């Protein structure tokens, strides 16, 4: 919406002022409709202005009454109040009722146009935010979790039980089973959908920085803290925080997290003020937290605070009947990206896809289907199109190339790919075998597009 096309309603019982405002607004490129009373404006149905200039003192129905009705009927329309009285208490009242601003007559032309443009910009921003929220809600809606097996029906049933409440949820399952997708489905299906969803991958944050990143710090709290930093819990205020791979939390971060969950407040490192939190907590791990408690590497009291409502995601090999549905879903999802459409999967090829154990679970299947769209020789995927691990002839990289003609980056990428595959997506184990830190491995995965 641009100012050249924006429609402004002027509602004022003074004919001379209406004509003056019309002249000013049209001169600035706006479209203008004039109304002599609030009742006259409210009688218009089927269309709405982009903004409204509303006189406060009018007979029969004053501006406050009109404002209340406009906010009820068209809450997204910004209303600028015009009045001859410079009354602070009145300004506060109409602002509480939802007026965008309050201007005292006679209004300076420059001030009027500036306020109106700000109101329209604010309106545009709100509409864009709502559009993006709607897209996110659609993208992470429960219906986008694919599967009709008995195991997945159980997952849907559990999600349905927690969506309407703020109960703390723990999602377990192997890497690649879709834990983050379930967390987002819970958030975007709940009353918190309009609030932030803050995703924290605990394994990707070095242990020495976990407390600072998750709980925040004040300036000067430690060497290098040159400015105050709001933590992830503060950023999630009014929404949901998703603590992925929570089993990778350092002991000190576990202790601080326990206090946050007990007191529903957070205190930045080096700070004295405690902020009351309105945040839903969802956590996940591909590790057995109960076993970690027995080993002494995870706090038992924190375990009971996190695992209030557990949801377990089955491995893909435990729900093979969902594989054809998932294959079709990913073929459609990546058709635009690949610039082509695959109409069907050969029955023999589908049989191999179903029988494969998928150590990387749904994430691995998604990557394979995406690659198949790019390498398939026709509109039908055949067994020959499948990667070697599924008995096909296709290779995704020149494994037989002479290493002398590979760059260092290509050699590093190949090594990382092989180790991650050998560890079945367990990145902590992969980092250990490669002899690098988890955060370094995450950066390399990002660098080579291996996410």
Protein backbone atom coordinates (compact mmCIF):
# COMPACT_ATOMS: atom_id res chain seq x y z
CA UNK A 1 0.00 0.00 0.00
CA UNK A 2 1.54 3.32 -1.02
CA UNK A 3 0.53 6.83 0.05
CA UNK A 4 -0.49 7.59 -3.58
CA UNK A 5 -3.26 5.01 -3.35
CA UNK A 6 -4.16 5.10 0.35
CA UNK A 7 -7.81 5.94 1.13
CA UNK A 8 -8.35 8.34 4.04
CA UNK A 9 -11.71 8.93 5.73
CA UNK A 10 -12.28 12.37 7.25
CA UNK A 11 -15.07 12.34 9.85
CA UNK A 12 -15.87 15.87 11.11
CA UNK A 13 -19.07 17.90 11.53
CA UNK A 14 -17.36 21.12 10.35
CA UNK A 15 -17.86 21.41 6.51
CA UNK A 16 -15.12 24.01 6.09
CA UNK A 17 -12.56 21.90 7.93
CA UNK A 18 -13.58 18.81 5.93
CA UNK A 19 -12.90 20.64 2.67
CA UNK A 20 -9.58 21.99 3.95
CA UNK A 21 -8.43 18.52 4.97
CA UNK A 22 -9.58 17.14 1.63
CA UNK A 23 -7.49 19.77 -0.19
CA UNK A 24 -4.40 18.98 1.92
CA UNK A 25 -4.73 15.20 1.59
CA UNK A 26 -5.44 15.17 -2.13
CA UNK A 27 -2.48 17.48 -2.64
CA UNK A 28 -0.34 14.84 -0.91
CA UNK A 29 -1.62 12.13 -3.25
CA UNK A 30 -4.22 10.44 -1.03
CA UNK A 31 -7.75 9.41 -1.95
CA UNK A 32 -10.30 11.01 0.39
CA UNK A 33 -13.87 10.29 1.52
CA UNK A 34 -15.70 12.87 3.67
CA UNK A 35 -18.31 12.20 6.38
CA UNK A 36 -20.27 14.76 8.39
CA UNK A 37 -20.95 12.47 11.34
CA UNK A 38 -19.84 9.24 12.97
CA UNK A 39 -23.15 7.53 12.14
CA UNK A 40 -22.68 8.39 8.48
CA UNK A 41 -19.20 6.79 8.41
CA UNK A 42 -20.29 3.70 10.34
CA UNK A 43 -23.18 3.18 7.92
CA UNK A 44 -20.72 2.45 5.09
CA UNK A 45 -20.28 -1.30 4.62
CA UNK A 46 -18.19 -3.43 2.29
CA UNK A 47 -15.10 -1.22 2.26
CA UNK A 48 -12.65 0.21 4.76
CA UNK A 49 -10.19 3.11 4.71
CA UNK A 50 -6.48 2.75 5.12
CA UNK A 51 -6.64 5.38 7.90
CA UNK A 52 -9.18 7.72 9.52
CA UNK A 53 -9.08 11.32 10.74
CA UNK A 54 -11.80 11.54 13.42
CA UNK A 55 -13.16 14.65 15.14
CA UNK A 56 -13.64 14.17 18.87
CA UNK A 57 -16.47 16.66 19.54
CA UNK A 58 -19.49 15.88 17.34
CA UNK A 59 -23.24 15.95 18.05
CA UNK A 60 -25.32 12.78 18.46
CA UNK A 61 -22.34 10.42 18.48
CA UNK A 62 -19.02 11.81 19.72
CA UNK A 63 -15.58 10.72 18.60
CA UNK A 64 -15.02 8.40 21.59
CA UNK A 65 -18.17 6.42 20.73
CA UNK A 66 -17.17 6.26 17.08
CA UNK A 67 -13.64 5.18 17.99
CA UNK A 68 -14.96 2.33 20.16
CA UNK A 69 -17.20 1.12 17.35
CA UNK A 70 -14.47 1.42 14.71
CA UNK A 71 -12.07 -0.58 16.89
CA UNK A 72 -14.75 -3.26 17.20
CA UNK A 73 -15.65 -3.38 13.50
CA UNK A 74 -12.27 -2.60 11.89
CA UNK A 75 -9.54 -3.02 14.54
CA UNK A 76 -6.73 -2.82 11.96
CA UNK A 77 -7.58 0.71 10.76
CA UNK A 78 -5.36 3.41 12.35
CA UNK A 79 -7.43 6.30 13.75
CA UNK A 80 -6.01 9.78 14.33
CA UNK A 81 -8.13 11.91 16.66
CA UNK A 82 -8.66 15.64 15.90
CA UNK A 83 -9.91 17.99 18.63
CA UNK A 84 -9.92 21.64 19.59
CA UNK A 85 -9.16 20.80 23.24
CA UNK A 86 -5.59 20.26 24.41
CA UNK A 87 -6.56 17.90 27.22
CA UNK A 88 -3.90 15.43 28.38
CA UNK A 89 -6.37 13.15 30.22
CA UNK A 90 -8.51 12.98 27.09
CA UNK A 91 -5.44 12.11 25.00
CA UNK A 92 -4.61 9.29 27.40
CA UNK A 93 -8.20 8.00 27.23
CA UNK A 94 -8.41 7.83 23.43
CA UNK A 95 -4.94 6.28 23.22
CA UNK A 96 -6.03 3.54 25.62
CA UNK A 97 -9.06 2.96 23.41
CA UNK A 98 -6.78 2.32 20.46
CA UNK A 99 -6.31 5.69 18.72
CA UNK A 100 -2.99 5.90 16.86
CA UNK A 101 -2.41 9.56 17.76
CA UNK A 102 -4.11 12.74 19.00
CA UNK A 103 -3.77 16.10 17.18
CA UNK A 104 -5.01 19.50 18.42
CA UNK A 105 -6.75 21.87 16.00
CA UNK A 106 -5.75 23.89 14.11
CA UNK A 107 -3.44 21.14 12.88
CA UNK A 108 -0.29 22.13 11.06
CA UNK A 109 -0.22 20.63 7.58
CA UNK A 110 3.29 19.23 7.98
CA UNK A 111 2.43 17.63 11.34
CA UNK A 112 -0.78 16.14 9.94
CA UNK A 113 0.89 14.55 6.92
CA UNK A 114 3.82 13.29 8.97
CA UNK A 115 1.53 11.65 11.55
CA UNK A 116 -0.62 10.13 8.83
CA UNK A 117 2.37 8.66 6.97
CA UNK A 118 3.69 7.15 10.22
CA UNK A 119 0.26 5.65 10.92
CA UNK A 120 0.11 4.11 7.44
CA UNK A 121 3.67 2.76 7.74
CA UNK A 122 2.81 1.22 11.11
CA UNK A 123 -0.32 -0.31 9.58
CA UNK A 124 1.68 -1.76 6.68
CA UNK A 125 4.21 -3.26 9.09
CA UNK A 126 1.48 -4.85 11.23
CA UNK A 127 -0.14 -6.38 8.16
CA UNK A 128 3.21 -7.77 6.97
CA UNK A 129 3.89 -9.26 10.41
CA UNK A 130 0.45 -10.91 10.40
CA UNK A 131 1.07 -12.24 6.90
CA UNK A 132 4.41 -13.75 7.91
CA UNK A 133 2.90 -15.23 11.06
CA UNK A 134 0.17 -16.76 8.93
CA UNK A 135 2.76 -18.27 6.60
CA UNK A 136 4.71 -19.67 9.54
CA UNK A 137 1.53 -21.07 11.04
CA UNK A 138 0.68 -22.77 7.74
CA UNK A 139 4.21 -24.04 7.29
CA UNK A 140 4.40 -25.59 10.74
CA UNK A 141 0.77 -26.62 11.11
CA UNK A 142 0.12 -30.08 12.50
CA UNK A 143 -1.08 -31.21 9.06
CA UNK A 144 2.45 -30.76 7.73
CA UNK A 145 3.71 -33.59 9.92
CA UNK A 146 3.31 -36.47 7.49
CA UNK A 147 2.32 -39.99 8.45
CA UNK A 148 -0.75 -42.13 9.11
CA UNK A 149 0.86 -45.05 10.93
CA UNK A 150 -0.35 -46.08 14.37
CA UNK A 151 2.83 -44.65 15.91
CA UNK A 152 2.26 -41.24 14.31
CA UNK A 153 -1.43 -41.21 15.22
CA UNK A 154 -0.27 -41.57 18.82
CA UNK A 155 2.01 -38.54 18.33
CA UNK A 156 -0.87 -36.47 16.87
CA UNK A 157 -3.05 -37.44 19.82
CA UNK A 158 -0.40 -36.30 22.30
CA UNK A 159 0.16 -33.00 20.45
CA UNK A 160 -3.59 -32.36 20.54
CA UNK A 161 -3.60 -32.77 24.31
CA UNK A 162 -0.92 -30.13 24.94
CA UNK A 163 -1.70 -27.47 22.33
CA UNK A 164 -4.32 -25.66 24.42
CA UNK A 165 -2.25 -25.59 27.62
CA UNK A 166 1.14 -24.27 28.71
CA UNK A 167 2.37 -27.59 30.07
CA UNK A 168 6.11 -28.20 29.72
CA UNK A 169 6.78 -30.71 26.94
CA UNK A 170 9.77 -32.96 26.33
CA UNK A 171 10.24 -34.52 22.87
CA UNK A 172 12.46 -37.58 22.55
CA UNK A 173 13.61 -39.38 19.44
CA UNK A 174 16.65 -40.08 17.29
CA UNK A 175 18.25 -37.38 15.15
CA UNK A 176 16.20 -36.58 12.08
CA UNK A 177 12.83 -37.78 13.39
CA UNK A 178 11.28 -34.28 13.35
CA UNK A 179 11.47 -33.05 16.94
CA UNK A 180 11.73 -29.39 15.94
CA UNK A 181 8.77 -29.74 13.56
CA UNK A 182 6.63 -31.09 16.42
CA UNK A 183 7.75 -28.25 18.72
CA UNK A 184 6.76 -25.68 16.09
CA UNK A 185 3.42 -27.42 15.47
CA UNK A 186 2.67 -27.12 19.20
CA UNK A 187 3.69 -23.45 19.29
CA UNK A 188 1.87 -22.32 16.13
CA UNK A 189 -1.24 -24.26 17.11
CA UNK A 190 -1.40 -22.70 20.57
CA UNK A 191 -2.57 -19.39 21.97
CA UNK A 192 1.08 -18.31 21.86
CA UNK A 193 1.22 -18.49 18.06
CA UNK A 194 1.44 -14.69 17.75
CA UNK A 195 4.44 -14.65 20.10
CA UNK A 196 8.05 -15.57 19.25
CA UNK A 197 9.34 -19.11 18.78
CA UNK A 198 12.96 -19.10 19.94
CA UNK A 199 14.96 -22.15 18.87
CA UNK A 200 18.07 -22.89 20.97
CA UNK A 201 20.37 -25.72 19.85
CA UNK A 202 22.27 -26.38 23.06
CA UNK A 203 24.78 -28.63 21.27
CA UNK A 204 25.76 -25.80 18.92
CA UNK A 205 26.70 -23.39 21.75
CA UNK A 206 30.10 -23.88 23.39
CA UNK A 207 29.64 -24.84 27.05
CA UNK A 208 31.47 -21.71 28.21
CA UNK A 209 28.92 -19.51 26.42
CA UNK A 210 25.70 -21.41 27.17
CA UNK A 211 24.70 -19.41 30.26
CA UNK A 212 25.38 -16.09 28.55
CA UNK A 213 23.47 -17.02 25.37
CA UNK A 214 20.47 -18.62 27.04
CA UNK A 215 20.05 -16.40 30.12
CA UNK A 216 21.74 -13.17 28.99
CA UNK A 217 24.41 -10.99 30.58
CA UNK A 218 24.99 -7.39 31.63
CA UNK A 219 27.76 -5.18 30.33
CA UNK A 220 31.03 -5.96 32.08
CA UNK A 221 29.79 -9.26 33.50
CA UNK A 222 32.91 -10.96 32.12
CA UNK A 223 35.83 -10.23 29.81
CA UNK A 224 34.43 -9.41 26.39
CA UNK A 225 30.95 -8.42 27.62
CA UNK A 226 31.13 -4.95 26.08
CA UNK A 227 27.34 -4.55 25.97
CA UNK A 228 24.27 -5.96 27.71
CA UNK A 229 22.79 -9.01 26.00
CA UNK A 230 19.21 -10.26 26.47
CA UNK A 231 19.22 -14.05 26.61
CA UNK A 232 17.05 -16.50 24.72
CA UNK A 233 14.48 -16.64 27.53
CA UNK A 234 13.98 -12.87 27.37
CA UNK A 235 13.71 -13.05 23.59
CA UNK A 236 10.97 -15.70 23.97
CA UNK A 237 8.83 -13.55 26.27
CA UNK A 238 5.15 -14.13 25.43
CA UNK A 239 5.99 -17.12 23.24
CA UNK A 240 7.83 -20.43 23.33
CA UNK A 241 11.46 -21.40 23.88
CA UNK A 242 12.61 -24.68 22.32
CA UNK A 243 15.68 -26.14 24.02
CA UNK A 244 16.90 -28.64 21.45
CA UNK A 245 19.55 -31.20 22.49
CA UNK A 246 19.03 -30.14 26.11
CA UNK A 247 21.17 -33.11 27.20
CA UNK A 248 24.23 -31.17 25.94
CA UNK A 249 23.82 -28.45 28.58
CA UNK A 250 26.79 -27.80 30.83
CA UNK A 251 26.25 -28.48 34.58
CA UNK A 252 26.30 -24.75 35.41
CA UNK A 253 23.70 -24.01 32.72
CA UNK A 254 21.56 -26.90 34.03
CA UNK A 255 21.60 -25.36 37.51
CA UNK A 256 20.57 -21.94 36.21
CA UNK A 257 17.85 -23.48 34.02
CA UNK A 258 16.42 -25.31 37.05
CA UNK A 259 16.10 -22.04 38.94
CA UNK A 260 14.41 -20.35 35.96
CA UNK A 261 11.85 -23.16 35.74
CA UNK A 262 11.22 -23.16 39.50
CA UNK A 263 10.83 -19.40 39.93
CA UNK A 264 9.56 -18.46 36.43
CA UNK A 265 12.04 -15.58 36.48
CA UNK A 266 15.41 -15.00 34.83
CA UNK A 267 18.42 -13.00 35.96
CA UNK A 268 21.19 -12.02 33.56
CA UNK A 269 24.77 -12.92 34.40
CA UNK A 270 26.23 -9.98 36.33
CA UNK A 271 22.77 -8.50 36.88
CA UNK A 272 20.63 -7.98 39.98
CA UNK A 273 17.16 -7.57 38.47
CA UNK A 274 14.96 -10.63 38.00
CA UNK A 275 12.56 -10.54 35.05
CA UNK A 276 9.24 -12.36 35.44
CA UNK A 277 8.80 -14.75 32.53
CA UNK A 278 5.77 -15.62 30.44
CA UNK A 279 7.40 -18.34 28.36
CA UNK A 280 6.39 -21.88 27.46
CA UNK A 281 9.26 -24.39 27.59
CA UNK A 282 9.60 -27.25 25.12
CA UNK A 283 12.79 -29.31 25.18
CA UNK A 284 14.12 -32.22 23.15
CA UNK A 285 17.01 -34.65 23.02
CA UNK A 286 18.20 -37.59 20.95
CA UNK A 287 19.88 -38.94 24.08
CA UNK A 288 18.30 -40.95 26.89
CA UNK A 289 17.99 -38.33 29.64
CA UNK A 290 16.91 -40.93 32.20
CA UNK A 291 20.12 -42.84 31.55
CA UNK A 292 22.11 -39.59 31.81
CA UNK A 293 20.50 -39.00 35.23
CA UNK A 294 21.60 -42.47 36.35
CA UNK A 295 25.13 -41.74 35.07
CA UNK A 296 25.18 -38.42 36.93
CA UNK A 297 25.65 -36.24 33.83
CA UNK A 298 22.15 -34.71 33.98
CA UNK A 299 20.43 -33.29 37.06
CA UNK A 300 17.55 -35.41 38.34
CA UNK A 301 15.61 -32.38 39.66
CA UNK A 302 15.92 -30.69 36.26
CA UNK A 303 14.83 -33.89 34.52
CA UNK A 304 11.54 -33.88 36.44
CA UNK A 305 11.01 -30.19 35.62
CA UNK A 306 11.50 -30.78 31.89
CA UNK A 307 9.92 -34.17 31.34
CA UNK A 308 6.42 -33.20 32.46
CA UNK A 309 4.62 -34.31 29.29
CA UNK A 310 6.84 -36.59 27.18
CA UNK A 311 6.26 -37.15 23.46
CA UNK A 312 8.34 -39.82 21.73
CA UNK A 313 8.96 -39.71 17.98
CA UNK A 314 9.51 -43.14 16.44
CA UNK A 315 12.42 -43.88 14.13
CA UNK A 316 11.46 -44.05 10.46
CA UNK A 317 12.20 -47.79 10.31
CA UNK A 318 9.52 -48.22 12.99
CA UNK A 319 6.87 -46.72 10.71
CA UNK A 320 7.81 -47.92 7.25
CA UNK A 321 4.19 -47.66 6.07
CA UNK A 322 4.62 -43.84 6.17
CA UNK A 323 7.57 -43.84 3.74
CA UNK A 324 5.48 -43.68 0.49
CA UNK A 325 3.52 -40.72 1.95
CA UNK A 326 6.75 -38.96 2.93
CA UNK A 327 8.34 -39.59 -0.48
CA UNK A 328 5.32 -38.05 -2.23
CA UNK A 329 5.34 -35.12 0.20
CA UNK A 330 9.03 -34.35 -0.44
CA UNK A 331 8.68 -34.79 -4.21
CA UNK A 332 6.02 -32.08 -4.20
CA UNK A 333 7.91 -29.89 -1.72
CA UNK A 334 11.09 -29.74 -3.84
CA UNK A 335 9.55 -29.79 -7.32
CA UNK A 336 9.86 -26.01 -7.69
CA UNK A 337 13.43 -25.96 -6.36
CA UNK A 338 14.46 -28.72 -8.77
CA UNK A 339 12.60 -27.14 -11.68
CA UNK A 340 10.95 -30.40 -12.64
CA UNK A 341 8.14 -32.76 -11.67
CA UNK A 342 8.53 -36.49 -11.04
CA UNK A 343 5.19 -38.14 -11.67
CA UNK A 344 5.82 -41.48 -10.01
CA UNK A 345 8.29 -43.74 -8.25
CA UNK A 346 8.86 -47.13 -9.84
CA UNK A 347 7.41 -49.89 -7.55
CA UNK A 348 10.82 -51.60 -7.33
CA UNK A 349 12.45 -48.30 -6.36
CA UNK A 350 9.75 -47.63 -3.77
CA UNK A 351 10.26 -51.11 -2.34
CA UNK A 352 13.95 -50.33 -1.78
CA UNK A 353 13.06 -47.01 -0.16
CA UNK A 354 10.63 -48.74 2.18
CA UNK A 355 13.02 -51.59 3.10
CA UNK A 356 16.02 -49.34 3.82
CA UNK A 357 16.61 -48.72 7.56
CA UNK A 358 17.17 -44.93 7.26
CA UNK A 359 19.70 -44.35 10.08
CA UNK A 360 19.27 -40.60 9.52
CA UNK A 361 15.46 -40.98 9.71
CA UNK A 362 13.09 -38.51 8.00
CA UNK A 363 15.84 -35.94 7.47
CA UNK A 364 17.90 -38.49 5.52
CA UNK A 365 14.88 -39.50 3.45
CA UNK A 366 14.15 -35.86 2.67
CA UNK A 367 17.73 -35.29 1.46
CA UNK A 368 17.63 -38.43 -0.71
CA UNK A 369 14.31 -37.45 -2.34
CA UNK A 370 15.58 -33.93 -2.99
CA UNK A 371 18.67 -35.38 -4.67
CA UNK A 372 16.55 -37.85 -6.69
CA UNK A 373 14.58 -34.97 -8.18
CA UNK A 374 17.81 -33.53 -9.52
CA UNK A 375 19.35 -36.73 -10.88
CA UNK A 376 16.34 -38.75 -12.09
CA UNK A 377 16.66 -39.53 -15.81
CA UNK A 378 12.94 -39.25 -16.54
CA UNK A 379 9.60 -38.38 -14.93
CA UNK A 380 9.78 -41.74 -13.13
CA UNK A 381 12.28 -42.61 -10.43
CA UNK A 382 13.81 -46.01 -11.08
CA UNK A 383 16.08 -48.24 -8.96
CA UNK A 384 19.05 -47.05 -11.04
CA UNK A 385 18.39 -43.46 -9.86
CA UNK A 386 18.79 -44.41 -6.20
CA UNK A 387 22.04 -43.69 -4.33
CA UNK A 388 24.53 -46.56 -3.81
CA UNK A 389 23.45 -47.28 -0.23
CA UNK A 390 20.01 -48.16 -1.63
CA UNK A 391 21.40 -50.32 -4.42
CA UNK A 392 21.32 -47.66 -7.12
CA UNK A 393 23.95 -46.47 -9.56
CA UNK A 394 23.87 -42.76 -8.74
CA UNK A 395 26.57 -41.04 -6.74
CA UNK A 396 26.23 -37.59 -5.29
CA UNK A 397 29.88 -36.70 -5.49
CA UNK A 398 32.98 -37.82 -7.45
CA UNK A 399 34.16 -40.47 -4.95
CA UNK A 400 36.42 -42.07 -7.57
CA UNK A 401 38.09 -38.81 -8.51
CA UNK A 402 41.82 -38.58 -8.09
CA UNK A 403 42.38 -36.86 -4.70
CA UNK A 404 45.19 -34.90 -6.28
CA UNK A 405 42.59 -32.94 -8.22
CA UNK A 406 40.33 -32.22 -5.24
CA UNK A 407 40.52 -28.97 -3.31
CA UNK A 408 41.11 -28.99 0.45
CA UNK A 409 37.50 -27.91 0.95
CA UNK A 410 36.27 -30.86 -1.14
CA UNK A 411 38.41 -33.30 0.84
CA UNK A 412 37.18 -31.82 4.14
CA UNK A 413 33.55 -31.92 3.01
CA UNK A 414 33.89 -35.58 1.95
CA UNK A 415 35.47 -36.52 5.29
CA UNK A 416 32.76 -34.76 7.29
CA UNK A 417 29.99 -36.30 5.19
CA UNK A 418 31.39 -39.83 5.66
CA UNK A 419 31.86 -39.49 9.42
CA UNK A 420 28.40 -37.97 9.99
CA UNK A 421 26.86 -40.77 7.90
CA UNK A 422 28.83 -43.38 9.85
CA UNK A 423 27.53 -41.88 13.11
CA UNK A 424 23.97 -41.96 11.78
CA UNK A 425 23.52 -38.23 12.33
CA UNK A 426 24.82 -38.20 15.92
CA UNK A 427 26.76 -34.95 15.70
CA UNK A 428 28.33 -35.20 19.16
CA UNK A 429 29.89 -38.54 18.22
CA UNK A 430 30.86 -37.24 14.76
CA UNK A 431 32.65 -34.25 16.30
CA UNK A 432 34.52 -36.57 18.67
CA UNK A 433 35.68 -38.84 15.82
CA UNK A 434 36.74 -35.85 13.71
CA UNK A 435 38.64 -34.38 16.65
CA UNK A 436 36.83 -31.02 16.52
CA UNK A 437 34.34 -29.23 18.78
CA UNK A 438 30.59 -29.47 18.24
CA UNK A 439 30.34 -25.76 17.40
CA UNK A 440 33.09 -26.15 14.76
CA UNK A 441 31.26 -29.11 13.24
CA UNK A 442 28.03 -27.08 13.05
CA UNK A 443 29.87 -24.27 11.25
CA UNK A 444 31.35 -26.76 8.77
CA UNK A 445 27.95 -28.34 8.13
CA UNK A 446 26.56 -24.88 7.44
CA UNK A 447 29.52 -24.00 5.22
CA UNK A 448 29.11 -27.08 3.03
CA UNK A 449 25.32 -27.06 3.00
CA UNK A 450 25.14 -30.41 4.80
CA UNK A 451 22.44 -29.40 7.32
